[in-house]
Amino acid sequence: MKRLLFGLGLLLSISGCVTKQAHEDKLSSWLGAKEGDLVAEWGPPTSFYELDDKRFLTYGSSSQAMVGGTAPTTNYDYYGNAYTSGGTPPILVTSNCSITMVVQNKVITEWSYEGNGCYDF
């Protein structure tokens, strides 16, 4: 169980290399930038929506990873009988992120994000 928790902790610490503040600063650096510059750097959005004079460009990502899992331990008694115990199954961890940039007059004016894997987007 300790190995499983260590593996999960390691994955979370690696995926959390970028802080929330650094992530938000990166998004804020796009405020005032042209829509074309964003698309040139990030590629086409996953989806977009237009309402009145605003365009909402959404970029999404999702990934999965297997974490942890330990093999069972087999011990033998004095007579050669095997006793197997312990072991844990791996855990499937899903990470996702959705970032929306709001464009008005071809300039980025707002941003928002949601998900558990946004800091490395």
C-alpha atoms as a PDB file:
ATOM      1  CA  MET A   1       0.000   0.000   0.000  1.00  0.00           C
ATOM      2  CA  LYS A   2       2.894   2.345   0.759  1.00  0.00           C
ATOM      3  CA  ARG A   3       4.292   1.794  -2.741  1.00  0.00           C
ATOM      4  CA  LEU A   4       0.918   2.550  -4.279  1.00  0.00           C
ATOM      5  CA  LEU A   5       0.578   5.787  -2.339  1.00  0.00           C
ATOM      6  CA  PHE A   6       4.172   6.712  -3.150  1.00  0.00           C
ATOM      7  CA  GLY A   7       3.535   6.112  -6.869  1.00  0.00           C
ATOM      8  CA  LEU A   8       0.363   8.175  -6.815  1.00  0.00           C
ATOM      9  CA  GLY A   9       2.111  10.954  -4.910  1.00  0.00           C
ATOM     10  CA  LEU A  10       4.992  10.901  -7.367  1.00  0.00           C
ATOM     11  CA  LEU A  11       2.623  11.175 -10.324  1.00  0.00           C
ATOM     12  CA  LEU A  12       0.802  14.086  -8.739  1.00  0.00           C
ATOM     13  CA  SER A  13       4.030  15.869  -7.875  1.00  0.00           C
ATOM     14  CA  ILE A  14       5.371  15.440 -11.393  1.00  0.00           C
ATOM     15  CA  SER A  15       2.131  16.604 -12.987  1.00  0.00           C
ATOM     16  CA  GLY A  16       2.015  19.546 -10.582  1.00  0.00           C
ATOM     17  CA  CYS A  17       5.398  20.966 -11.594  1.00  0.00           C
ATOM     18  CA  VAL A  18       3.707  24.148 -12.785  1.00  0.00           C
ATOM     19  CA  THR A  19       1.963  26.030 -10.012  1.00  0.00           C
ATOM     20  CA  LYS A  20      -1.559  27.391 -10.247  1.00  0.00           C
ATOM     21  CA  GLN A  21      -0.172  30.924 -10.218  1.00  0.00           C
ATOM     22  CA  ALA A  22       2.312  30.187 -13.008  1.00  0.00           C
ATOM     23  CA  HIS A  23      -0.476  28.643 -15.068  1.00  0.00           C
ATOM     24  CA  GLU A  24      -2.758  31.623 -14.550  1.00  0.00           C
ATOM     25  CA  ASP A  25       0.086  34.034 -15.320  1.00  0.00           C
ATOM     26  CA  LYS A  26       0.663  32.180 -18.599  1.00  0.00           C
ATOM     27  CA  LEU A  27      -3.017  32.503 -19.501  1.00  0.00           C
ATOM     28  CA  SER A  28      -3.073  36.175 -18.487  1.00  0.00           C
ATOM     29  CA  SER A  29      -0.111  36.847 -20.760  1.00  0.00           C
ATOM     30  CA  TRP A  30      -2.505  36.237 -23.670  1.00  0.00           C
ATOM     31  CA  LEU A  31      -4.823  39.090 -22.668  1.00  0.00           C
ATOM     32  CA  GLY A  32      -4.712  41.712 -25.413  1.00  0.00           C
ATOM     33  CA  ALA A  33      -3.111  39.313 -27.893  1.00  0.00           C
ATOM     34  CA  LYS A  34      -4.615  38.683 -31.309  1.00  0.00           C
ATOM     35  CA  GLU A  35      -6.750  35.610 -31.877  1.00  0.00           C
ATOM     36  CA  GLY A  36      -4.557  34.633 -34.837  1.00  0.00           C
ATOM     37  CA  ASP A  37      -1.443  34.609 -32.648  1.00  0.00           C
ATOM     38  CA  LEU A  38      -3.111  32.241 -30.172  1.00  0.00           C
ATOM     39  CA  VAL A  39      -4.229  29.871 -32.926  1.00  0.00           C
ATOM     40  CA  ALA A  40      -0.783  30.025 -34.518  1.00  0.00           C
ATOM     41  CA  GLU A  41       0.837  28.920 -31.240  1.00  0.00           C
ATOM     42  CA  TRP A  42      -1.792  26.576 -29.755  1.00  0.00           C
ATOM     43  CA  GLY A  43      -3.332  25.297 -32.989  1.00  0.00           C
ATOM     44  CA  PRO A  44      -7.020  25.216 -33.805  1.00  0.00           C
ATOM     45  CA  PRO A  45      -9.325  25.057 -30.793  1.00  0.00           C
ATOM     46  CA  THR A  46     -11.099  21.843 -29.827  1.00  0.00           C
ATOM     47  CA  SER A  47     -14.376  23.757 -30.160  1.00  0.00           C
ATOM     48  CA  PHE A  48     -15.654  27.304 -30.434  1.00  0.00           C
ATOM     49  CA  TYR A  49     -18.889  29.171 -29.885  1.00  0.00           C
ATOM     50  CA  GLU A  50     -20.015  32.622 -30.976  1.00  0.00           C
ATOM     51  CA  LEU A  51     -22.465  34.775 -29.048  1.00  0.00           C
ATOM     52  CA  ASP A  52     -23.196  38.396 -29.913  1.00  0.00           C
ATOM     53  CA  ASP A  53     -19.800  39.977 -30.496  1.00  0.00           C
ATOM     54  CA  LYS A  54     -17.780  37.366 -28.575  1.00  0.00           C
ATOM     55  CA  ARG A  55     -16.097  34.161 -29.696  1.00  0.00           C
ATOM     56  CA  PHE A  56     -15.275  31.452 -27.144  1.00  0.00           C
ATOM     57  CA  LEU A  57     -12.310  29.276 -28.151  1.00  0.00           C
ATOM     58  CA  THR A  58     -12.025  26.124 -26.074  1.00  0.00           C
ATOM     59  CA  TYR A  59      -8.911  23.963 -25.920  1.00  0.00           C
ATOM     60  CA  GLY A  60      -9.312  20.593 -24.253  1.00  0.00           C
ATOM     61  CA  SER A  61      -7.006  17.764 -23.324  1.00  0.00           C
ATOM     62  CA  SER A  62      -7.389  14.455 -21.531  1.00  0.00           C
ATOM     63  CA  SER A  63      -4.982  11.671 -20.626  1.00  0.00           C
ATOM     64  CA  GLN A  64      -4.885   8.504 -18.581  1.00  0.00           C
ATOM     65  CA  ALA A  65      -2.060   6.720 -16.777  1.00  0.00           C
ATOM     66  CA  MET A  66      -1.774   3.521 -14.791  1.00  0.00           C
ATOM     67  CA  VAL A  67      -0.189   4.140 -11.406  1.00  0.00           C
ATOM     68  CA  GLY A  68       1.195   1.756  -8.860  1.00  0.00           C
ATOM     69  CA  GLY A  69       0.282  -1.829  -8.307  1.00  0.00           C
ATOM     70  CA  THR A  70       2.416  -4.315  -6.425  1.00  0.00           C
ATOM     71  CA  ALA A  71       2.879  -8.005  -6.939  1.00  0.00           C
ATOM     72  CA  PRO A  72       1.669 -10.387  -4.230  1.00  0.00           C
ATOM     73  CA  THR A  73       4.245 -12.009  -1.964  1.00  0.00           C
ATOM     74  CA  THR A  74       4.573 -15.776  -1.838  1.00  0.00           C
ATOM     75  CA  ASN A  75       6.045 -17.395   1.248  1.00  0.00           C
ATOM     76  CA  TYR A  76       6.663 -21.068   1.948  1.00  0.00           C
ATOM     77  CA  ASP A  77       6.297 -22.854   5.232  1.00  0.00           C
ATOM     78  CA  TYR A  78       8.558 -25.586   6.589  1.00  0.00           C
ATOM     79  CA  TYR A  79       6.700 -28.253   4.580  1.00  0.00           C
ATOM     80  CA  GLY A  80       6.885 -26.395   1.260  1.00  0.00           C
ATOM     81  CA  ASN A  81       3.308 -25.133   1.228  1.00  0.00           C
ATOM     82  CA  ALA A  82       2.947 -21.783  -0.548  1.00  0.00           C
ATOM     83  CA  TYR A  83       1.077 -18.884   1.026  1.00  0.00           C
ATOM     84  CA  THR A  84       0.406 -15.873  -1.166  1.00  0.00           C
ATOM     85  CA  SER A  85      -0.642 -12.561   0.354  1.00  0.00           C
ATOM     86  CA  GLY A  86      -0.692  -8.851  -0.312  1.00  0.00           C
ATOM     87  CA  GLY A  87      -0.388  -7.145  -3.630  1.00  0.00           C
ATOM     88  CA  THR A  88      -2.415  -4.242  -4.926  1.00  0.00           C
ATOM     89  CA  PRO A  89      -3.932  -3.585  -8.328  1.00  0.00           C
ATOM     90  CA  PRO A  90      -2.825  -0.566 -10.366  1.00  0.00           C
ATOM     91  CA  ILE A  91      -5.043   2.512 -10.387  1.00  0.00           C
ATOM     92  CA  LEU A  92      -6.153   4.270 -13.568  1.00  0.00           C
ATOM     93  CA  VAL A  93      -5.713   8.033 -13.135  1.00  0.00           C
ATOM     94  CA  THR A  94      -7.524  10.349 -15.559  1.00  0.00           C
ATOM     95  CA  SER A  95      -6.364  13.921 -16.088  1.00  0.00           C
ATOM     96  CA  ASN A  96      -8.289  16.540 -18.083  1.00  0.00           C
ATOM     97  CA  CYS A  97      -8.331  20.236 -18.765  1.00  0.00           C
ATOM     98  CA  SER A  98     -10.522  22.672 -20.657  1.00  0.00           C
ATOM     99  CA  ILE A  99      -9.244  26.213 -21.294  1.00  0.00           C
ATOM    100  CA  THR A 100     -11.560  28.808 -22.826  1.00  0.00           C
ATOM    101  CA  MET A 101     -10.281  32.037 -24.309  1.00  0.00           C
ATOM    102  CA  VAL A 102     -12.838  34.789 -24.955  1.00  0.00           C
ATOM    103  CA  VAL A 103     -12.201  36.845 -28.080  1.00  0.00           C
ATOM    104  CA  GLN A 104     -13.773  40.201 -28.806  1.00  0.00           C
ATOM    105  CA  ASN A 105     -12.844  42.216 -31.916  1.00  0.00           C
ATOM    106  CA  LYS A 106     -10.200  39.566 -32.692  1.00  0.00           C
ATOM    107  CA  VAL A 107      -8.435  40.253 -29.369  1.00  0.00           C
ATOM    108  CA  ILE A 108      -8.340  37.981 -26.303  1.00  0.00           C
ATOM    109  CA  THR A 109     -10.187  39.683 -23.462  1.00  0.00           C
ATOM    110  CA  GLU A 110     -10.838  36.913 -20.897  1.00  0.00           C
ATOM    111  CA  TRP A 111      -9.920  33.330 -20.057  1.00  0.00           C
ATOM    112  CA  SER A 112     -11.153  30.526 -17.837  1.00  0.00           C
ATOM    113  CA  TYR A 113     -10.211  26.934 -17.188  1.00  0.00           C
ATOM    114  CA  GLU A 114     -11.471  23.850 -15.413  1.00  0.00           C
ATOM    115  CA  GLY A 115     -10.172  20.346 -14.798  1.00  0.00           C
ATOM    116  CA  ASN A 116      -7.634  18.479 -12.726  1.00  0.00           C
ATOM    117  CA  GLY A 117      -4.766  18.562 -15.248  1.00  0.00           C
ATOM    118  CA  CYS A 118      -4.528  22.168 -16.347  1.00  0.00           C
ATOM    119  CA  TYR A 119      -1.215  23.203 -14.905  1.00  0.00           C
ATOM    120  CA  ASP A 120       0.856  21.371 -17.541  1.00  0.00           C
ATOM    121  CA  PHE A 121      -1.310  22.278 -20.534  1.00  0.00           C
END
